[in-house]
Amino acid sequence: MLSKNNSIVLSKLKYREYDLIVKCYTQQRGVVSYLLKGVLKSKKGLSKTVYYQALSQLQIEESYKPNQTLHFIKEVKFNYIYKTLHTNIYKSSIVLFLAEILSNVLKEEEKNEGLYEFIAAALQYLDNEDQFSNFHLLFLLKLTRYLGFQPENLDNDYLYFNLESGIFESNNNGIYSISGANLTLLKQLLGTNFDALDTIKINATQRQEFLNMLLYYFELHLGSFKKPKSLQVLNEVFH
């Protein structure tokens, strides 16, 4: 069955000598993996790999069979052409980091149009923005809504946030309770949209500490979550 599907590239993996397996998050079917046979064999084939950079937004004409693990791409074109995401070293480090996280946490082979549109729109915002050093923090925080563990019960009077329960609290309940600078930033970000991100001023150390807390929050709520290998590169670039 041939059909068109808007897709965001999550990862690519060399398979055998000349093939690639590309994993995408698609608008119509959630996570789908495609086999690109012989794409690494010729110059013409190699030129097509430009489509499959991390988080590229594509329109794919696919040959999809419901009972197969790997599907085939008949035609591909860009759905949105990035101007800066793959050429700006700071943005490309964010892209690799978020692609690794999304590849890790997105498992469902079913449609979630709201999640697809959130990812696509957020990446287009990043592509066009000059102030973006906190982008990945807000992206991950907003992603928790779609993954089912968005922080709840926001009240600016609460002095603690419980990472295990995902709830703001008035009392310190032990090792999972956070307070201080991380709590203040969490409250700020929860009340912020991407277009107001430039109002949040923090230094590199605060950014890293908050990101480490967020990744721990993901670990607590997603059993299979692994800390991204690209985290070290991201921290070095933004230090």
C-alpha atoms as a PDB file:
ATOM      1  CA  MET A   1       0.000   0.000   0.000  1.00  0.00           C
ATOM      2  CA  LEU A   2       1.471   3.364  -1.054  1.00  0.00           C
ATOM      3  CA  SER A   3       0.675   6.337   1.158  1.00  0.00           C
ATOM      4  CA  LYS A   4       2.139   9.714   2.136  1.00  0.00           C
ATOM      5  CA  ASN A   5       3.314  10.335   5.674  1.00  0.00           C
ATOM      6  CA  ASN A   6       4.919  13.413   7.233  1.00  0.00           C
ATOM      7  CA  SER A   7       7.923  12.261   9.266  1.00  0.00           C
ATOM      8  CA  ILE A   8      10.650  13.486  11.616  1.00  0.00           C
ATOM      9  CA  VAL A   9      13.925  11.537  11.504  1.00  0.00           C
ATOM     10  CA  LEU A  10      14.946  10.141  14.897  1.00  0.00           C
ATOM     11  CA  SER A  11      17.960   8.012  13.996  1.00  0.00           C
ATOM     12  CA  LYS A  12      19.760   6.191  11.209  1.00  0.00           C
ATOM     13  CA  LEU A  13      21.830   3.033  11.417  1.00  0.00           C
ATOM     14  CA  LYS A  14      24.068   1.373   8.830  1.00  0.00           C
ATOM     15  CA  TYR A  15      22.780  -2.115   8.057  1.00  0.00           C
ATOM     16  CA  ARG A  16      24.840  -4.692   6.188  1.00  0.00           C
ATOM     17  CA  GLU A  17      27.275  -3.093   3.753  1.00  0.00           C
ATOM     18  CA  TYR A  18      25.192  -0.648   1.744  1.00  0.00           C
ATOM     19  CA  ASP A  19      21.834  -0.316   3.539  1.00  0.00           C
ATOM     20  CA  LEU A  20      20.467   2.124   6.094  1.00  0.00           C
ATOM     21  CA  ILE A  21      17.689   1.706   8.638  1.00  0.00           C
ATOM     22  CA  VAL A  22      16.033   5.046   9.373  1.00  0.00           C
ATOM     23  CA  LYS A  23      13.721   5.406  12.351  1.00  0.00           C
ATOM     24  CA  CYS A  24      11.136   8.188  12.093  1.00  0.00           C
ATOM     25  CA  TYR A  25       8.342   9.641  14.167  1.00  0.00           C
ATOM     26  CA  THR A  26       5.455   9.955  11.722  1.00  0.00           C
ATOM     27  CA  GLN A  27       2.262  11.962  11.762  1.00  0.00           C
ATOM     28  CA  GLN A  28       0.034   9.043  10.786  1.00  0.00           C
ATOM     29  CA  ARG A  29       1.553   6.016  12.526  1.00  0.00           C
ATOM     30  CA  GLY A  30       3.888   7.091  15.315  1.00  0.00           C
ATOM     31  CA  VAL A  31       7.283   5.355  15.224  1.00  0.00           C
ATOM     32  CA  VAL A  32       8.091   3.690  11.879  1.00  0.00           C
ATOM     33  CA  SER A  33      11.397   2.190  10.708  1.00  0.00           C
ATOM     34  CA  TYR A  34      12.354   2.234   7.033  1.00  0.00           C
ATOM     35  CA  LEU A  35      14.904   0.112   5.190  1.00  0.00           C
ATOM     36  CA  LEU A  36      16.861   2.011   2.504  1.00  0.00           C
ATOM     37  CA  LYS A  37      18.357  -0.771   0.404  1.00  0.00           C
ATOM     38  CA  GLY A  38      21.636  -0.054  -1.376  1.00  0.00           C
ATOM     39  CA  VAL A  39      21.570   3.658  -0.552  1.00  0.00           C
ATOM     40  CA  LEU A  40      25.291   3.689   0.368  1.00  0.00           C
ATOM     41  CA  LYS A  41      26.389   1.943  -2.818  1.00  0.00           C
ATOM     42  CA  SER A  42      26.446   4.825  -5.318  1.00  0.00           C
ATOM     43  CA  LYS A  43      27.001   8.582  -5.391  1.00  0.00           C
ATOM     44  CA  LYS A  44      23.350   9.071  -6.297  1.00  0.00           C
ATOM     45  CA  GLY A  45      22.299   6.988  -3.308  1.00  0.00           C
ATOM     46  CA  LEU A  46      24.725   8.739  -0.963  1.00  0.00           C
ATOM     47  CA  SER A  47      23.365  12.116  -2.034  1.00  0.00           C
ATOM     48  CA  LYS A  48      19.951  11.020  -0.729  1.00  0.00           C
ATOM     49  CA  THR A  49      21.309  10.522   2.798  1.00  0.00           C
ATOM     50  CA  VAL A  50      21.126  14.321   3.249  1.00  0.00           C
ATOM     51  CA  TYR A  51      17.394  13.811   3.838  1.00  0.00           C
ATOM     52  CA  TYR A  52      18.035  11.631   6.856  1.00  0.00           C
ATOM     53  CA  GLN A  53      19.930  13.987   9.157  1.00  0.00           C
ATOM     54  CA  ALA A  54      18.766  14.088  12.772  1.00  0.00           C
ATOM     55  CA  LEU A  55      15.272  15.594  13.185  1.00  0.00           C
ATOM     56  CA  SER A  56      14.842  16.426   9.477  1.00  0.00           C
ATOM     57  CA  GLN A  57      11.185  17.014   8.598  1.00  0.00           C
ATOM     58  CA  LEU A  58      10.206  14.965   5.558  1.00  0.00           C
ATOM     59  CA  GLN A  59       7.244  14.009   3.450  1.00  0.00           C
ATOM     60  CA  ILE A  60       7.634  10.325   2.647  1.00  0.00           C
ATOM     61  CA  GLU A  61       5.766   8.288   0.079  1.00  0.00           C
ATOM     62  CA  GLU A  62       5.973   4.873   1.638  1.00  0.00           C
ATOM     63  CA  SER A  63       5.235   1.266   0.969  1.00  0.00           C
ATOM     64  CA  TYR A  64       3.695   0.270   4.296  1.00  0.00           C
ATOM     65  CA  LYS A  65       2.600  -3.215   5.288  1.00  0.00           C
ATOM     66  CA  PRO A  66       1.050  -3.404   8.778  1.00  0.00           C
ATOM     67  CA  ASN A  67       2.644  -6.711   9.790  1.00  0.00           C
ATOM     68  CA  GLN A  68       6.213  -5.797   8.807  1.00  0.00           C
ATOM     69  CA  THR A  69       8.912  -4.386  11.081  1.00  0.00           C
ATOM     70  CA  LEU A  70      10.701  -2.525   8.282  1.00  0.00           C
ATOM     71  CA  HIS A  71       8.980  -0.505   5.576  1.00  0.00           C
ATOM     72  CA  PHE A  72      10.148   1.026   2.298  1.00  0.00           C
ATOM     73  CA  ILE A  73      10.386   4.586   0.989  1.00  0.00           C
ATOM     74  CA  LYS A  74       9.350   5.158  -2.625  1.00  0.00           C
ATOM     75  CA  GLU A  75       9.824   8.957  -2.713  1.00  0.00           C
ATOM     76  CA  VAL A  76      11.102  11.509  -0.198  1.00  0.00           C
ATOM     77  CA  LYS A  77      11.207  15.294  -0.057  1.00  0.00           C
ATOM     78  CA  PHE A  78      11.688  17.893   2.637  1.00  0.00           C
ATOM     79  CA  ASN A  79       8.519  18.994   4.378  1.00  0.00           C
ATOM     80  CA  TYR A  80      10.425  21.896   5.937  1.00  0.00           C
ATOM     81  CA  ILE A  81      13.954  22.968   5.026  1.00  0.00           C
ATOM     82  CA  TYR A  82      16.055  24.050   8.021  1.00  0.00           C
ATOM     83  CA  LYS A  83      18.182  27.149   7.603  1.00  0.00           C
ATOM     84  CA  THR A  84      20.382  26.794  10.699  1.00  0.00           C
ATOM     85  CA  LEU A  85      19.697  23.570  12.647  1.00  0.00           C
ATOM     86  CA  HIS A  86      22.374  21.476  10.949  1.00  0.00           C
ATOM     87  CA  THR A  87      24.921  24.253  10.322  1.00  0.00           C
ATOM     88  CA  ASN A  88      25.011  26.159  13.626  1.00  0.00           C
ATOM     89  CA  ILE A  89      27.209  24.152  16.030  1.00  0.00           C
ATOM     90  CA  TYR A  90      25.161  25.159  19.070  1.00  0.00           C
ATOM     91  CA  LYS A  91      21.857  24.253  17.468  1.00  0.00           C
ATOM     92  CA  SER A  92      23.202  21.024  15.972  1.00  0.00           C
ATOM     93  CA  SER A  93      24.370  19.893  19.438  1.00  0.00           C
ATOM     94  CA  ILE A  94      20.820  20.478  20.745  1.00  0.00           C
ATOM     95  CA  VAL A  95      19.412  18.587  17.738  1.00  0.00           C
ATOM     96  CA  LEU A  96      21.622  15.524  18.316  1.00  0.00           C
ATOM     97  CA  PHE A  97      20.785  15.548  22.023  1.00  0.00           C
ATOM     98  CA  LEU A  98      17.012  15.802  21.465  1.00  0.00           C
ATOM     99  CA  ALA A  99      17.079  13.230  18.647  1.00  0.00           C
ATOM    100  CA  GLU A 100      18.740  10.766  21.016  1.00  0.00           C
ATOM    101  CA  ILE A 101      16.155  11.422  23.709  1.00  0.00           C
ATOM    102  CA  LEU A 102      13.194  11.205  21.324  1.00  0.00           C
ATOM    103  CA  SER A 103      14.542   7.982  19.821  1.00  0.00           C
ATOM    104  CA  ASN A 104      14.768   6.605  23.353  1.00  0.00           C
ATOM    105  CA  VAL A 105      11.337   7.659  24.673  1.00  0.00           C
ATOM    106  CA  LEU A 106       9.079   7.371  21.610  1.00  0.00           C
ATOM    107  CA  LYS A 107       8.040   3.744  21.229  1.00  0.00           C
ATOM    108  CA  GLU A 108       4.393   3.796  20.187  1.00  0.00           C
ATOM    109  CA  GLU A 109       3.440   2.635  16.723  1.00  0.00           C
ATOM    110  CA  GLU A 110       0.238   4.638  16.753  1.00  0.00           C
ATOM    111  CA  LYS A 111      -0.913   8.090  15.720  1.00  0.00           C
ATOM    112  CA  ASN A 112      -0.438  11.016  18.113  1.00  0.00           C
ATOM    113  CA  GLU A 113      -0.948  14.096  15.992  1.00  0.00           C
ATOM    114  CA  GLY A 114      -0.629  16.504  18.921  1.00  0.00           C
ATOM    115  CA  LEU A 115       2.826  15.174  19.801  1.00  0.00           C
ATOM    116  CA  TYR A 116       3.946  15.206  16.172  1.00  0.00           C
ATOM    117  CA  GLU A 117       2.832  18.814  15.711  1.00  0.00           C
ATOM    118  CA  PHE A 118       4.490  19.885  18.971  1.00  0.00           C
ATOM    119  CA  ILE A 119       7.866  18.446  17.891  1.00  0.00           C
ATOM    120  CA  ALA A 120       7.642  19.834  14.340  1.00  0.00           C
ATOM    121  CA  ALA A 121       6.622  23.347  15.442  1.00  0.00           C
ATOM    122  CA  ALA A 122       9.220  23.486  18.242  1.00  0.00           C
ATOM    123  CA  LEU A 123      12.030  22.561  15.835  1.00  0.00           C
ATOM    124  CA  GLN A 124      10.900  25.202  13.346  1.00  0.00           C
ATOM    125  CA  TYR A 125      10.925  27.747  16.181  1.00  0.00           C
ATOM    126  CA  LEU A 126      14.493  26.749  17.104  1.00  0.00           C
ATOM    127  CA  ASP A 127      15.556  27.003  13.460  1.00  0.00           C
ATOM    128  CA  ASN A 128      14.447  30.640  13.312  1.00  0.00           C
ATOM    129  CA  GLU A 129      15.569  31.812  16.755  1.00  0.00           C
ATOM    130  CA  ASP A 130      18.765  33.611  17.814  1.00  0.00           C
ATOM    131  CA  GLN A 131      18.318  33.201  21.596  1.00  0.00           C
ATOM    132  CA  PHE A 132      18.021  29.468  22.253  1.00  0.00           C
ATOM    133  CA  SER A 133      20.407  28.347  25.022  1.00  0.00           C
ATOM    134  CA  ASN A 134      17.472  27.213  27.225  1.00  0.00           C
ATOM    135  CA  PHE A 135      15.416  25.714  24.391  1.00  0.00           C
ATOM    136  CA  HIS A 136      16.141  22.076  25.257  1.00  0.00           C
ATOM    137  CA  LEU A 137      15.055  22.606  28.877  1.00  0.00           C
ATOM    138  CA  LEU A 138      11.611  23.868  27.888  1.00  0.00           C
ATOM    139  CA  PHE A 139      11.286  21.269  25.121  1.00  0.00           C
ATOM    140  CA  LEU A 140      11.873  18.396  27.562  1.00  0.00           C
ATOM    141  CA  LEU A 141       9.514  19.902  30.106  1.00  0.00           C
ATOM    142  CA  LYS A 142       6.740  20.304  27.520  1.00  0.00           C
ATOM    143  CA  LEU A 143       7.420  16.775  26.246  1.00  0.00           C
ATOM    144  CA  THR A 144       6.469  15.352  29.671  1.00  0.00           C
ATOM    145  CA  ARG A 145       2.850  16.316  28.961  1.00  0.00           C
ATOM    146  CA  TYR A 146       2.725  13.911  26.004  1.00  0.00           C
ATOM    147  CA  LEU A 147       4.589  11.175  27.868  1.00  0.00           C
ATOM    148  CA  GLY A 148       2.173  11.271  30.811  1.00  0.00           C
ATOM    149  CA  PHE A 149       4.197  12.774  33.674  1.00  0.00           C
ATOM    150  CA  GLN A 150       3.827  16.540  33.364  1.00  0.00           C
ATOM    151  CA  PRO A 151       4.425  18.278  36.729  1.00  0.00           C
ATOM    152  CA  GLU A 152       1.083  18.821  38.452  1.00  0.00           C
ATOM    153  CA  ASN A 153      -0.471  21.019  41.085  1.00  0.00           C
ATOM    154  CA  LEU A 154       1.590  24.121  40.282  1.00  0.00           C
ATOM    155  CA  ASP A 155       1.238  26.668  43.051  1.00  0.00           C
ATOM    156  CA  ASN A 156       3.854  29.366  43.470  1.00  0.00           C
ATOM    157  CA  ASP A 157       3.570  29.075  47.247  1.00  0.00           C
ATOM    158  CA  TYR A 158       4.809  25.487  47.391  1.00  0.00           C
ATOM    159  CA  LEU A 159       8.423  25.205  48.529  1.00  0.00           C
ATOM    160  CA  TYR A 160       9.168  21.732  47.104  1.00  0.00           C
ATOM    161  CA  PHE A 161       8.626  19.590  44.037  1.00  0.00           C
ATOM    162  CA  ASN A 162       8.572  15.810  44.362  1.00  0.00           C
ATOM    163  CA  LEU A 163      10.364  14.217  41.382  1.00  0.00           C
ATOM    164  CA  GLU A 164       8.903  10.790  42.103  1.00  0.00           C
ATOM    165  CA  SER A 165       5.230  11.821  42.321  1.00  0.00           C
ATOM    166  CA  GLY A 166       5.482  14.762  39.908  1.00  0.00           C
ATOM    167  CA  ILE A 167       3.625  17.031  42.338  1.00  0.00           C
ATOM    168  CA  PHE A 168       4.452  20.338  44.041  1.00  0.00           C
ATOM    169  CA  GLU A 169       4.314  20.044  47.831  1.00  0.00           C
ATOM    170  CA  SER A 170       4.554  22.172  50.959  1.00  0.00           C
ATOM    171  CA  ASN A 171       6.827  19.725  52.823  1.00  0.00           C
ATOM    172  CA  ASN A 172      10.212  18.144  52.150  1.00  0.00           C
ATOM    173  CA  ASN A 173       9.566  14.444  51.530  1.00  0.00           C
ATOM    174  CA  GLY A 174      13.113  13.193  51.306  1.00  0.00           C
ATOM    175  CA  ILE A 175      15.506  12.381  48.478  1.00  0.00           C
ATOM    176  CA  TYR A 176      13.046  13.136  45.660  1.00  0.00           C
ATOM    177  CA  SER A 177      12.151  16.630  46.886  1.00  0.00           C
ATOM    178  CA  ILE A 178      13.796  19.580  45.158  1.00  0.00           C
ATOM    179  CA  SER A 179      13.849  23.218  46.239  1.00  0.00           C
ATOM    180  CA  GLY A 180      15.949  26.342  45.754  1.00  0.00           C
ATOM    181  CA  ALA A 181      17.199  27.413  42.311  1.00  0.00           C
ATOM    182  CA  ASN A 182      15.949  24.305  40.473  1.00  0.00           C
ATOM    183  CA  LEU A 183      12.447  24.768  41.908  1.00  0.00           C
ATOM    184  CA  THR A 184      12.389  28.455  40.953  1.00  0.00           C
ATOM    185  CA  LEU A 185      13.462  27.669  37.396  1.00  0.00           C
ATOM    186  CA  LEU A 186      10.948  24.814  37.122  1.00  0.00           C
ATOM    187  CA  LYS A 187       8.114  27.172  38.075  1.00  0.00           C
ATOM    188  CA  GLN A 188       9.361  29.801  35.629  1.00  0.00           C
ATOM    189  CA  LEU A 189       9.588  27.364  32.728  1.00  0.00           C
ATOM    190  CA  LEU A 190       6.181  25.821  33.407  1.00  0.00           C
ATOM    191  CA  GLY A 191       4.651  29.245  32.937  1.00  0.00           C
ATOM    192  CA  THR A 192       6.624  30.027  29.759  1.00  0.00           C
ATOM    193  CA  ASN A 193       6.158  29.444  26.046  1.00  0.00           C
ATOM    194  CA  PHE A 194       9.001  29.229  23.540  1.00  0.00           C
ATOM    195  CA  ASP A 195       8.485  32.812  22.364  1.00  0.00           C
ATOM    196  CA  ALA A 196       9.170  34.119  25.900  1.00  0.00           C
ATOM    197  CA  LEU A 197      12.237  31.964  26.582  1.00  0.00           C
ATOM    198  CA  ASP A 198      14.594  34.927  26.256  1.00  0.00           C
ATOM    199  CA  THR A 199      13.153  36.364  29.498  1.00  0.00           C
ATOM    200  CA  ILE A 200      14.747  33.525  31.506  1.00  0.00           C
ATOM    201  CA  LYS A 201      18.341  34.336  32.408  1.00  0.00           C
ATOM    202  CA  ILE A 202      20.533  31.580  33.863  1.00  0.00           C
ATOM    203  CA  ASN A 203      24.224  30.704  33.628  1.00  0.00           C
ATOM    204  CA  ALA A 204      25.816  27.516  32.261  1.00  0.00           C
ATOM    205  CA  THR A 205      26.120  25.880  35.693  1.00  0.00           C
ATOM    206  CA  GLN A 206      22.439  26.459  36.519  1.00  0.00           C
ATOM    207  CA  ARG A 207      21.473  25.158  33.086  1.00  0.00           C
ATOM    208  CA  GLN A 208      23.453  21.936  33.563  1.00  0.00           C
ATOM    209  CA  GLU A 209      22.127  21.361  37.088  1.00  0.00           C
ATOM    210  CA  PHE A 210      18.532  21.829  35.945  1.00  0.00           C
ATOM    211  CA  LEU A 211      19.058  19.570  32.931  1.00  0.00           C
ATOM    212  CA  ASN A 212      20.529  16.830  35.154  1.00  0.00           C
ATOM    213  CA  MET A 213      17.457  17.118  37.387  1.00  0.00           C
ATOM    214  CA  LEU A 214      15.133  16.887  34.368  1.00  0.00           C
ATOM    215  CA  LEU A 215      16.925  13.786  33.054  1.00  0.00           C
ATOM    216  CA  TYR A 216      16.616  12.184  36.493  1.00  0.00           C
ATOM    217  CA  TYR A 217      12.892  13.021  36.393  1.00  0.00           C
ATOM    218  CA  PHE A 218      12.666  11.167  33.054  1.00  0.00           C
ATOM    219  CA  GLU A 219      14.550   8.194  34.537  1.00  0.00           C
ATOM    220  CA  LEU A 220      12.128   7.985  37.454  1.00  0.00           C
ATOM    221  CA  HIS A 221       9.060   7.964  35.196  1.00  0.00           C
ATOM    222  CA  LEU A 222      10.310   5.957  32.204  1.00  0.00           C
ATOM    223  CA  GLY A 223      11.736   2.595  33.169  1.00  0.00           C
ATOM    224  CA  SER A 224      13.799   2.152  30.012  1.00  0.00           C
ATOM    225  CA  PHE A 225      15.205   5.705  29.860  1.00  0.00           C
ATOM    226  CA  LYS A 226      18.958   5.997  29.374  1.00  0.00           C
ATOM    227  CA  LYS A 227      20.981   9.167  29.876  1.00  0.00           C
ATOM    228  CA  PRO A 228      21.970  10.385  26.377  1.00  0.00           C
ATOM    229  CA  LYS A 229      25.549   9.846  25.224  1.00  0.00           C
ATOM    230  CA  SER A 230      25.413  13.284  23.569  1.00  0.00           C
ATOM    231  CA  LEU A 231      24.880  15.015  26.946  1.00  0.00           C
ATOM    232  CA  GLN A 232      28.618  15.550  27.443  1.00  0.00           C
ATOM    233  CA  VAL A 233      28.978  17.246  24.045  1.00  0.00           C
ATOM    234  CA  LEU A 234      25.971  19.463  24.748  1.00  0.00           C
ATOM    235  CA  ASN A 235      27.409  20.541  28.109  1.00  0.00           C
ATOM    236  CA  GLU A 236      30.798  21.305  26.564  1.00  0.00           C
ATOM    237  CA  VAL A 237      29.314  23.383  23.753  1.00  0.00           C
ATOM    238  CA  PHE A 238      27.149  25.441  26.137  1.00  0.00           C
ATOM    239  CA  HIS A 239      29.721  25.824  28.915  1.00  0.00           C
END
